[in-house]
Full PDB file with SEQRES, HELIX, SHEET, SSBOND, CRYST1, ORIGX, SCALE, CONECT and MASTER records, all heavy atoms in Angstrom:
SEQRES   1 A   35  VAL MET GLU GLN GLU LEU VAL ASN SER ALA GLY ALA HIS          
SEQRES   2 A   35  ASN LYS ILE GLY TRP ALA PHE GLY LEU GLY LEU GLU ARG          
SEQRES   3 A   35  LEU SER MET ILE LEU TYR ASN ILE PRO                          
HELIX    1 AA1 GLN A    4  SER A    9  1                                   6    
HELIX    2 AA2 LEU A   24  TYR A   32  1                                   9    
CRYST1    1.000    1.000    1.000  90.00  90.00  90.00 P 1           1          
ORIGX1      1.000000  0.000000  0.000000        0.00000                         
ORIGX2      0.000000  1.000000  0.000000        0.00000                         
ORIGX3      0.000000  0.000000  1.000000        0.00000                         
SCALE1      1.000000  0.000000  0.000000        0.00000                         
SCALE2      0.000000  1.000000  0.000000        0.00000                         
SCALE3      0.000000  0.000000  1.000000        0.00000                         
ATOM      1  N   VAL A   1      16.734  82.796  49.624  1.00  0.00           N  
ATOM      2  CA  VAL A   1      16.943  81.537  50.348  1.00  0.00           C  
ATOM      3  C   VAL A   1      17.828  81.839  51.551  1.00  0.00           C  
ATOM      4  O   VAL A   1      18.909  82.421  51.410  1.00  0.00           O  
ATOM      5  CB  VAL A   1      17.606  80.483  49.435  1.00  0.00           C  
ATOM      6  CG1 VAL A   1      17.845  79.189  50.222  1.00  0.00           C  
ATOM      7  CG2 VAL A   1      16.747  80.223  48.207  1.00  0.00           C  
ATOM      8  N   MET A   2      17.371  81.437  52.726  1.00  0.00           N  
ATOM      9  CA  MET A   2      18.102  81.760  53.945  1.00  0.00           C  
ATOM     10  C   MET A   2      19.444  81.035  53.990  1.00  0.00           C  
ATOM     11  O   MET A   2      19.560  79.894  53.530  1.00  0.00           O  
ATOM     12  CB  MET A   2      17.266  81.392  55.173  1.00  0.00           C  
ATOM     13  CG  MET A   2      16.021  82.243  55.354  1.00  0.00           C  
ATOM     14  SD  MET A   2      15.036  81.731  56.776  1.00  0.00           S  
ATOM     15  CE  MET A   2      16.171  82.066  58.125  1.00  0.00           C  
ATOM     16  N   GLU A   3      20.441  81.716  54.524  1.00  0.00           N  
ATOM     17  CA  GLU A   3      21.741  81.076  54.721  1.00  0.00           C  
ATOM     18  C   GLU A   3      21.549  79.825  55.576  1.00  0.00           C  
ATOM     19  O   GLU A   3      20.912  79.867  56.629  1.00  0.00           O  
ATOM     20  CB  GLU A   3      22.712  82.044  55.404  1.00  0.00           C  
ATOM     21  CG  GLU A   3      23.093  83.264  54.580  1.00  0.00           C  
ATOM     22  CD  GLU A   3      24.099  82.923  53.495  1.00  0.00           C  
ATOM     23  OE1 GLU A   3      24.471  81.741  53.353  1.00  0.00           O  
ATOM     24  OE2 GLU A   3      24.513  83.853  52.773  1.00  0.00           O  
ATOM     25  N   GLN A   4      22.106  78.705  55.114  1.00  0.00           N  
ATOM     26  CA  GLN A   4      21.849  77.428  55.780  1.00  0.00           C  
ATOM     27  C   GLN A   4      22.330  77.431  57.225  1.00  0.00           C  
ATOM     28  O   GLN A   4      21.755  76.765  58.095  1.00  0.00           O  
ATOM     29  CB  GLN A   4      22.514  76.285  54.992  1.00  0.00           C  
ATOM     30  CG  GLN A   4      22.048  74.899  55.423  1.00  0.00           C  
ATOM     31  CD  GLN A   4      20.552  74.716  55.240  1.00  0.00           C  
ATOM     32  OE1 GLN A   4      19.984  75.180  54.259  1.00  0.00           O  
ATOM     33  NE2 GLN A   4      19.907  74.039  56.190  1.00  0.00           N  
ATOM     34  N   GLU A   5      23.363  78.205  57.505  1.00  0.00           N  
ATOM     35  CA  GLU A   5      23.872  78.271  58.880  1.00  0.00           C  
ATOM     36  C   GLU A   5      22.799  78.784  59.842  1.00  0.00           C  
ATOM     37  O   GLU A   5      22.687  78.318  60.970  1.00  0.00           O  
ATOM     38  CB  GLU A   5      25.104  79.176  58.923  1.00  0.00           C  
ATOM     39  CG  GLU A   5      25.768  79.252  60.286  1.00  0.00           C  
ATOM     40  CD  GLU A   5      27.001  80.133  60.274  1.00  0.00           C  
ATOM     41  OE1 GLU A   5      27.547  80.368  59.180  1.00  0.00           O  
ATOM     42  OE2 GLU A   5      27.411  80.587  61.354  1.00  0.00           O  
ATOM     43  N   LEU A   6      21.991  79.750  59.384  1.00  0.00           N  
ATOM     44  CA  LEU A   6      20.899  80.272  60.214  1.00  0.00           C  
ATOM     45  C   LEU A   6      19.827  79.219  60.433  1.00  0.00           C  
ATOM     46  O   LEU A   6      19.306  79.060  61.538  1.00  0.00           O  
ATOM     47  CB  LEU A   6      20.280  81.511  59.549  1.00  0.00           C  
ATOM     48  CG  LEU A   6      21.123  82.775  59.517  1.00  0.00           C  
ATOM     49  CD1 LEU A   6      20.411  83.845  58.715  1.00  0.00           C  
ATOM     50  CD2 LEU A   6      21.396  83.263  60.937  1.00  0.00           C  
ATOM     51  N   VAL A   7      19.506  78.506  59.377  1.00  0.00           N  
ATOM     52  CA  VAL A   7      18.483  77.457  59.485  1.00  0.00           C  
ATOM     53  C   VAL A   7      18.979  76.362  60.434  1.00  0.00           C  
ATOM     54  O   VAL A   7      18.232  75.886  61.299  1.00  0.00           O  
ATOM     55  CB  VAL A   7      18.164  76.867  58.096  1.00  0.00           C  
ATOM     56  CG1 VAL A   7      17.088  75.781  58.209  1.00  0.00           C  
ATOM     57  CG2 VAL A   7      17.688  77.966  57.146  1.00  0.00           C  
ATOM     58  N   ASN A   8      20.242  75.988  60.315  1.00  0.00           N  
ATOM     59  CA  ASN A   8      20.793  74.955  61.186  1.00  0.00           C  
ATOM     60  C   ASN A   8      20.783  75.389  62.651  1.00  0.00           C  
ATOM     61  O   ASN A   8      20.515  74.591  63.554  1.00  0.00           O  
ATOM     62  CB  ASN A   8      22.240  74.622  60.767  1.00  0.00           C  
ATOM     63  CG  ASN A   8      22.302  73.946  59.412  1.00  0.00           C  
ATOM     64  OD1 ASN A   8      21.290  73.454  58.909  1.00  0.00           O  
ATOM     65  ND2 ASN A   8      23.488  73.927  58.803  1.00  0.00           N  
ATOM     66  N   SER A   9      21.066  76.690  62.874  1.00  0.00           N  
ATOM     67  CA  SER A   9      21.115  77.185  64.256  1.00  0.00           C  
ATOM     68  C   SER A   9      19.745  77.138  64.926  1.00  0.00           C  
ATOM     69  O   SER A   9      19.640  77.168  66.152  1.00  0.00           O  
ATOM     70  CB  SER A   9      21.661  78.620  64.283  1.00  0.00           C  
ATOM     71  OG  SER A   9      20.733  79.522  63.692  1.00  0.00           O  
ATOM     72  N   ALA A  10      18.698  77.056  64.105  1.00  0.00           N  
ATOM     73  CA  ALA A  10      17.340  76.942  64.647  1.00  0.00           C  
ATOM     74  C   ALA A  10      16.942  75.481  64.830  1.00  0.00           C  
ATOM     75  O   ALA A  10      15.796  75.192  65.202  1.00  0.00           O  
ATOM     76  CB  ALA A  10      16.343  77.633  63.726  1.00  0.00           C  
ATOM     77  N   GLY A  11      17.864  74.554  64.569  1.00  0.00           N  
ATOM     78  CA  GLY A  11      17.591  73.134  64.773  1.00  0.00           C  
ATOM     79  C   GLY A  11      16.877  72.484  63.607  1.00  0.00           C  
ATOM     80  O   GLY A  11      16.365  71.372  63.726  1.00  0.00           O  
ATOM     81  N   ALA A  12      16.825  73.168  62.461  1.00  0.00           N  
ATOM     82  CA  ALA A  12      16.122  72.610  61.289  1.00  0.00           C  
ATOM     83  C   ALA A  12      17.148  72.202  60.228  1.00  0.00           C  
ATOM     84  O   ALA A  12      17.159  72.716  59.112  1.00  0.00           O  
ATOM     85  CB  ALA A  12      15.138  73.638  60.735  1.00  0.00           C  
ATOM     86  N   HIS A  13      18.019  71.252  60.581  1.00  0.00           N  
ATOM     87  CA  HIS A  13      19.157  70.908  59.736  1.00  0.00           C  
ATOM     88  C   HIS A  13      18.743  70.346  58.388  1.00  0.00           C  
ATOM     89  O   HIS A  13      19.475  70.471  57.408  1.00  0.00           O  
ATOM     90  CB  HIS A  13      20.057  69.901  60.470  1.00  0.00           C  
ATOM     91  CG  HIS A  13      20.618  70.442  61.756  1.00  0.00           C  
ATOM     92  ND1 HIS A  13      21.764  71.201  61.804  1.00  0.00           N  
ATOM     93  CD2 HIS A  13      20.163  70.359  63.041  1.00  0.00           C  
ATOM     94  CE1 HIS A  13      22.008  71.552  63.062  1.00  0.00           C  
ATOM     95  NE2 HIS A  13      21.038  71.044  63.833  1.00  0.00           N  
ATOM     96  N   ASN A  14      17.589  69.695  58.334  1.00  0.00           N  
ATOM     97  CA  ASN A  14      17.165  69.071  57.078  1.00  0.00           C  
ATOM     98  C   ASN A  14      16.140  69.937  56.322  1.00  0.00           C  
ATOM     99  O   ASN A  14      15.410  69.442  55.471  1.00  0.00           O  
ATOM    100  CB  ASN A  14      16.563  67.691  57.344  1.00  0.00           C  
ATOM    101  CG  ASN A  14      15.356  67.765  58.268  1.00  0.00           C  
ATOM    102  OD1 ASN A  14      15.176  68.751  58.984  1.00  0.00           O  
ATOM    103  ND2 ASN A  14      14.529  66.731  58.249  1.00  0.00           N  
ATOM    104  N   LYS A  15      16.113  71.221  56.656  1.00  0.00           N  
ATOM    105  CA  LYS A  15      15.149  72.123  56.029  1.00  0.00           C  
ATOM    106  C   LYS A  15      15.864  73.216  55.254  1.00  0.00           C  
ATOM    107  O   LYS A  15      17.041  73.503  55.468  1.00  0.00           O  
ATOM    108  CB  LYS A  15      14.240  72.782  57.083  1.00  0.00           C  
ATOM    109  CG  LYS A  15      13.473  71.801  57.962  1.00  0.00           C  
ATOM    110  CD  LYS A  15      12.377  71.108  57.190  1.00  0.00           C  
ATOM    111  CE  LYS A  15      11.552  70.211  58.104  1.00  0.00           C  
ATOM    112  NZ  LYS A  15      10.482  69.499  57.361  1.00  0.00           N  
ATOM    113  N   ILE A  16      15.131  73.851  54.350  1.00  0.00           N  
ATOM    114  CA  ILE A  16      15.601  75.033  53.636  1.00  0.00           C  
ATOM    115  C   ILE A  16      14.678  76.187  53.997  1.00  0.00           C  
ATOM    116  O   ILE A  16      13.453  76.036  54.012  1.00  0.00           O  
ATOM    117  CB  ILE A  16      15.601  74.800  52.109  1.00  0.00           C  
ATOM    118  CG1 ILE A  16      16.616  73.708  51.740  1.00  0.00           C  
ATOM    119  CG2 ILE A  16      15.907  76.089  51.354  1.00  0.00           C  
ATOM    120  CD1 ILE A  16      16.599  73.338  50.281  1.00  0.00           C  
ATOM    121  N   GLY A  17      15.262  77.336  54.300  1.00  0.00           N  
ATOM    122  CA  GLY A  17      14.456  78.490  54.698  1.00  0.00           C  
ATOM    123  C   GLY A  17      14.278  79.494  53.571  1.00  0.00           C  
ATOM    124  O   GLY A  17      15.177  79.676  52.741  1.00  0.00           O  
ATOM    125  N   TRP A  18      13.120  80.147  53.547  1.00  0.00           N  
ATOM    126  CA  TRP A  18      12.808  81.170  52.549  1.00  0.00           C  
ATOM    127  C   TRP A  18      12.342  82.409  53.307  1.00  0.00           C  
ATOM    128  O   TRP A  18      11.425  82.345  54.118  1.00  0.00           O  
ATOM    129  CB  TRP A  18      11.725  80.652  51.622  1.00  0.00           C  
ATOM    130  CG  TRP A  18      11.202  81.650  50.626  1.00  0.00           C  
ATOM    131  CD1 TRP A  18      10.028  82.332  50.676  1.00  0.00           C  
ATOM    132  CD2 TRP A  18      11.827  82.064  49.415  1.00  0.00           C  
ATOM    133  NE1 TRP A  18       9.880  83.148  49.587  1.00  0.00           N  
ATOM    134  CE2 TRP A  18      10.988  83.006  48.782  1.00  0.00           C  
ATOM    135  CE3 TRP A  18      13.055  81.739  48.800  1.00  0.00           C  
ATOM    136  CZ2 TRP A  18      11.307  83.626  47.588  1.00  0.00           C  
ATOM    137  CZ3 TRP A  18      13.360  82.345  47.599  1.00  0.00           C  
ATOM    138  CH2 TRP A  18      12.501  83.280  46.996  1.00  0.00           C  
ATOM    139  N   ALA A  19      12.996  83.536  53.072  1.00  0.00           N  
ATOM    140  CA  ALA A  19      12.662  84.776  53.769  1.00  0.00           C  
ATOM    141  C   ALA A  19      12.126  85.801  52.777  1.00  0.00           C  
ATOM    142  O   ALA A  19      12.574  85.861  51.631  1.00  0.00           O  
ATOM    143  CB  ALA A  19      13.898  85.337  54.473  1.00  0.00           C  
ATOM    144  N   PHE A  20      11.152  86.575  53.224  1.00  0.00           N  
ATOM    145  CA  PHE A  20      10.626  87.625  52.346  1.00  0.00           C  
ATOM    146  C   PHE A  20      10.004  88.735  53.197  1.00  0.00           C  
ATOM    147  O   PHE A  20       9.614  88.524  54.345  1.00  0.00           O  
ATOM    148  CB  PHE A  20       9.590  87.073  51.363  1.00  0.00           C  
ATOM    149  CG  PHE A  20       8.364  86.497  52.016  1.00  0.00           C  
ATOM    150  CD1 PHE A  20       7.231  87.279  52.234  1.00  0.00           C  
ATOM    151  CD2 PHE A  20       8.332  85.169  52.430  1.00  0.00           C  
ATOM    152  CE1 PHE A  20       6.103  86.748  52.832  1.00  0.00           C  
ATOM    153  CE2 PHE A  20       7.212  84.634  53.032  1.00  0.00           C  
ATOM    154  CZ  PHE A  20       6.091  85.424  53.236  1.00  0.00           C  
ATOM    155  N   GLY A  21       9.949  89.915  52.639  1.00  0.00           N  
ATOM    156  CA  GLY A  21       9.331  91.050  53.322  1.00  0.00           C  
ATOM    157  C   GLY A  21       8.509  91.874  52.344  1.00  0.00           C  
ATOM    158  O   GLY A  21       9.000  92.293  51.292  1.00  0.00           O  
ATOM    159  N   LEU A  22       7.238  92.096  52.689  1.00  0.00           N  
ATOM    160  CA  LEU A  22       6.317  92.773  51.774  1.00  0.00           C  
ATOM    161  C   LEU A  22       6.312  94.286  51.911  1.00  0.00           C  
ATOM    162  O   LEU A  22       6.032  94.993  50.949  1.00  0.00           O  
ATOM    163  CB  LEU A  22       4.887  92.259  52.000  1.00  0.00           C  
ATOM    164  CG  LEU A  22       4.563  90.875  51.454  1.00  0.00           C  
ATOM    165  CD1 LEU A  22       3.213  90.416  51.954  1.00  0.00           C  
ATOM    166  CD2 LEU A  22       4.559  90.912  49.931  1.00  0.00           C  
ATOM    167  N   GLY A  23       6.569  94.814  53.112  1.00  0.00           N  
ATOM    168  CA  GLY A  23       6.434  96.253  53.300  1.00  0.00           C  
ATOM    169  C   GLY A  23       4.991  96.704  53.166  1.00  0.00           C  
ATOM    170  O   GLY A  23       4.639  97.463  52.268  1.00  0.00           O  
ATOM    171  N   LEU A  24       4.126  96.211  54.060  1.00  0.00           N  
ATOM    172  CA  LEU A  24       2.687  96.431  53.916  1.00  0.00           C  
ATOM    173  C   LEU A  24       2.306  97.906  53.933  1.00  0.00           C  
ATOM    174  O   LEU A  24       1.410  98.332  53.197  1.00  0.00           O  
ATOM    175  CB  LEU A  24       1.938  95.680  55.018  1.00  0.00           C  
ATOM    176  CG  LEU A  24       1.986  94.155  54.931  1.00  0.00           C  
ATOM    177  CD1 LEU A  24       1.263  93.530  56.108  1.00  0.00           C  
ATOM    178  CD2 LEU A  24       1.390  93.676  53.628  1.00  0.00           C  
ATOM    179  N   GLU A  25       2.980  98.701  54.789  1.00  0.00           N  
ATOM    180  CA  GLU A  25       2.638 100.123  54.837  1.00  0.00           C  
ATOM    181  C   GLU A  25       2.908 100.785  53.493  1.00  0.00           C  
ATOM    182  O   GLU A  25       2.111 101.577  52.998  1.00  0.00           O  
ATOM    183  CB  GLU A  25       3.436 100.836  55.941  1.00  0.00           C  
ATOM    184  CG  GLU A  25       3.070 100.410  57.349  1.00  0.00           C  
ATOM    185  CD  GLU A  25       3.990  99.330  57.855  1.00  0.00           C  
ATOM    186  OE1 GLU A  25       4.672  98.670  57.022  1.00  0.00           O  
ATOM    187  OE2 GLU A  25       4.028  99.119  59.077  1.00  0.00           O  
ATOM    188  N   ARG A  26       4.032 100.430  52.898  1.00  0.00           N  
ATOM    189  CA  ARG A  26       4.401 101.032  51.615  1.00  0.00           C  
ATOM    190  C   ARG A  26       3.413 100.642  50.524  1.00  0.00           C  
ATOM    191  O   ARG A  26       3.003 101.470  49.703  1.00  0.00           O  
ATOM    192  CB  ARG A  26       5.816 100.573  51.243  1.00  0.00           C  
ATOM    193  CG  ARG A  26       6.428 101.388  50.135  1.00  0.00           C  
ATOM    194  CD  ARG A  26       7.948 101.414  50.324  1.00  0.00           C  
ATOM    195  NE  ARG A  26       8.598 101.714  49.056  1.00  0.00           N  
ATOM    196  CZ  ARG A  26       9.045 100.773  48.228  1.00  0.00           C  
ATOM    197  NH1 ARG A  26       8.923  99.518  48.527  1.00  0.00           N  
ATOM    198  NH2 ARG A  26       9.636 101.119  47.104  1.00  0.00           N  
ATOM    199  N   LEU A  27       3.000  99.372  50.512  1.00  0.00           N  
ATOM    200  CA  LEU A  27       2.002  98.933  49.540  1.00  0.00           C  
ATOM    201  C   LEU A  27       0.684  99.674  49.734  1.00  0.00           C  
ATOM    202  O   LEU A  27       0.029 100.087  48.774  1.00  0.00           O  
ATOM    203  CB  LEU A  27       1.769  97.426  49.654  1.00  0.00           C  
ATOM    204  CG  LEU A  27       2.841  96.511  49.075  1.00  0.00           C  
ATOM    205  CD1 LEU A  27       2.493  95.053  49.334  1.00  0.00           C  
ATOM    206  CD2 LEU A  27       3.007  96.759  47.585  1.00  0.00           C  
ATOM    207  N   SER A  28       0.292  99.844  51.007  1.00  0.00           N  
ATOM    208  CA  SER A  28      -0.962 100.545  51.300  1.00  0.00           C  
ATOM    209  C   SER A  28      -0.886 101.998  50.854  1.00  0.00           C  
ATOM    210  O   SER A  28      -1.870 102.549  50.334  1.00  0.00           O  
ATOM    211  CB  SER A  28      -1.268 100.484  52.801  1.00  0.00           C  
ATOM    212  OG  SER A  28      -1.438  99.152  53.221  1.00  0.00           O  
ATOM    213  N   MET A  29       0.265 102.634  51.057  1.00  0.00           N  
ATOM    214  CA  MET A  29       0.428 104.019  50.626  1.00  0.00           C  
ATOM    215  C   MET A  29       0.246 104.137  49.112  1.00  0.00           C  
ATOM    216  O   MET A  29      -0.343 105.104  48.618  1.00  0.00           O  
ATOM    217  CB  MET A  29       1.801 104.543  51.040  1.00  0.00           C  
ATOM    218  CG  MET A  29       1.971 104.711  52.544  1.00  0.00           C  
ATOM    219  SD  MET A  29       3.634 105.255  53.000  1.00  0.00           S  
ATOM    220  CE  MET A  29       3.570 106.971  52.473  1.00  0.00           C  
ATOM    221  N   ILE A  30       0.737 103.147  48.385  1.00  0.00           N  
ATOM    222  CA  ILE A  30       0.617 103.156  46.932  1.00  0.00           C  
ATOM    223  C   ILE A  30      -0.833 102.924  46.509  1.00  0.00           C  
ATOM    224  O   ILE A  30      -1.393 103.655  45.686  1.00  0.00           O  
ATOM    225  CB  ILE A  30       1.523 102.074  46.318  1.00  0.00           C  
ATOM    226  CG1 ILE A  30       2.989 102.389  46.588  1.00  0.00           C  
ATOM    227  CG2 ILE A  30       1.264 101.922  44.824  1.00  0.00           C  
ATOM    228  CD1 ILE A  30       3.912 101.225  46.341  1.00  0.00           C  
ATOM    229  N   LEU A  31      -1.452 101.905  47.090  1.00  0.00           N  
ATOM    230  CA  LEU A  31      -2.799 101.522  46.681  1.00  0.00           C  
ATOM    231  C   LEU A  31      -3.837 102.593  46.989  1.00  0.00           C  
ATOM    232  O   LEU A  31      -4.784 102.792  46.228  1.00  0.00           O  
ATOM    233  CB  LEU A  31      -3.199 100.205  47.375  1.00  0.00           C  
ATOM    234  CG  LEU A  31      -2.491  98.952  46.859  1.00  0.00           C  
ATOM    235  CD1 LEU A  31      -2.752  97.776  47.787  1.00  0.00           C  
ATOM    236  CD2 LEU A  31      -2.960  98.624  45.452  1.00  0.00           C  
ATOM    237  N   TYR A  32      -3.670 103.300  48.122  1.00  0.00           N  
ATOM    238  CA  TYR A  32      -4.695 104.246  48.561  1.00  0.00           C  
ATOM    239  C   TYR A  32      -4.248 105.706  48.458  1.00  0.00           C  
ATOM    240  O   TYR A  32      -4.952 106.601  48.913  1.00  0.00           O  
ATOM    241  CB  TYR A  32      -5.089 103.936  50.006  1.00  0.00           C  
ATOM    242  CG  TYR A  32      -5.583 102.529  50.210  1.00  0.00           C  
ATOM    243  CD1 TYR A  32      -4.942 101.666  51.086  1.00  0.00           C  
ATOM    244  CD2 TYR A  32      -6.684 102.049  49.510  1.00  0.00           C  
ATOM    245  CE1 TYR A  32      -5.386 100.360  51.267  1.00  0.00           C  
ATOM    246  CE2 TYR A  32      -7.131 100.752  49.678  1.00  0.00           C  
ATOM    247  CZ  TYR A  32      -6.478  99.911  50.558  1.00  0.00           C  
ATOM    248  OH  TYR A  32      -6.929  98.632  50.732  1.00  0.00           O  
ATOM    249  N   ASN A  33      -3.065 105.945  47.861  1.00  0.00           N  
ATOM    250  CA  ASN A  33      -2.551 107.316  47.731  1.00  0.00           C  
ATOM    251  C   ASN A  33      -2.432 108.013  49.084  1.00  0.00           C  
ATOM    252  O   ASN A  33      -2.804 109.189  49.236  1.00  0.00           O  
ATOM    253  CB  ASN A  33      -3.436 108.141  46.796  1.00  0.00           C  
ATOM    254  CG  ASN A  33      -3.330 107.668  45.357  1.00  0.00           C  
ATOM    255  OD1 ASN A  33      -2.246 107.342  44.894  1.00  0.00           O  
ATOM    256  ND2 ASN A  33      -4.446 107.622  44.671  1.00  0.00           N  
ATOM    257  N   ILE A  34      -1.944 107.302  50.079  1.00  0.00           N  
ATOM    258  CA  ILE A  34      -1.733 107.872  51.411  1.00  0.00           C  
ATOM    259  C   ILE A  34      -0.382 108.592  51.400  1.00  0.00           C  
ATOM    260  O   ILE A  34       0.648 107.975  51.129  1.00  0.00           O  
ATOM    261  CB  ILE A  34      -1.765 106.776  52.480  1.00  0.00           C  
ATOM    262  CG1 ILE A  34      -3.153 106.134  52.516  1.00  0.00           C  
ATOM    263  CG2 ILE A  34      -1.406 107.332  53.852  1.00  0.00           C  
ATOM    264  CD1 ILE A  34      -3.250 104.894  53.387  1.00  0.00           C  
ATOM    265  N   PRO A  35      -0.349 109.893  51.682  1.00  0.00           N  
ATOM    266  CA  PRO A  35       0.865 110.663  51.470  1.00  0.00           C  
ATOM    267  C   PRO A  35       1.917 110.573  52.571  1.00  0.00           C  
ATOM    268  O   PRO A  35       3.075 110.905  52.343  1.00  0.00           O  
ATOM    269  CB  PRO A  35       0.334 112.102  51.383  1.00  0.00           C  
ATOM    270  CG  PRO A  35      -0.887 112.085  52.254  1.00  0.00           C  
ATOM    271  CD  PRO A  35      -1.496 110.724  52.087  1.00  0.00           C  
TER     272      PRO A  35                                                      
MASTER        0    0    0    2    0    0    0    6  271    1    0    3          
END                                                                             
């Protein structure tokens, strides 16, 4: 959950932010055995 101060600084005072990162290259390396 994003720190509310960051969300407020973007002008979304009545919102809650959710941040995530998948690391697509890393997932692809795993799925396809890319060395």
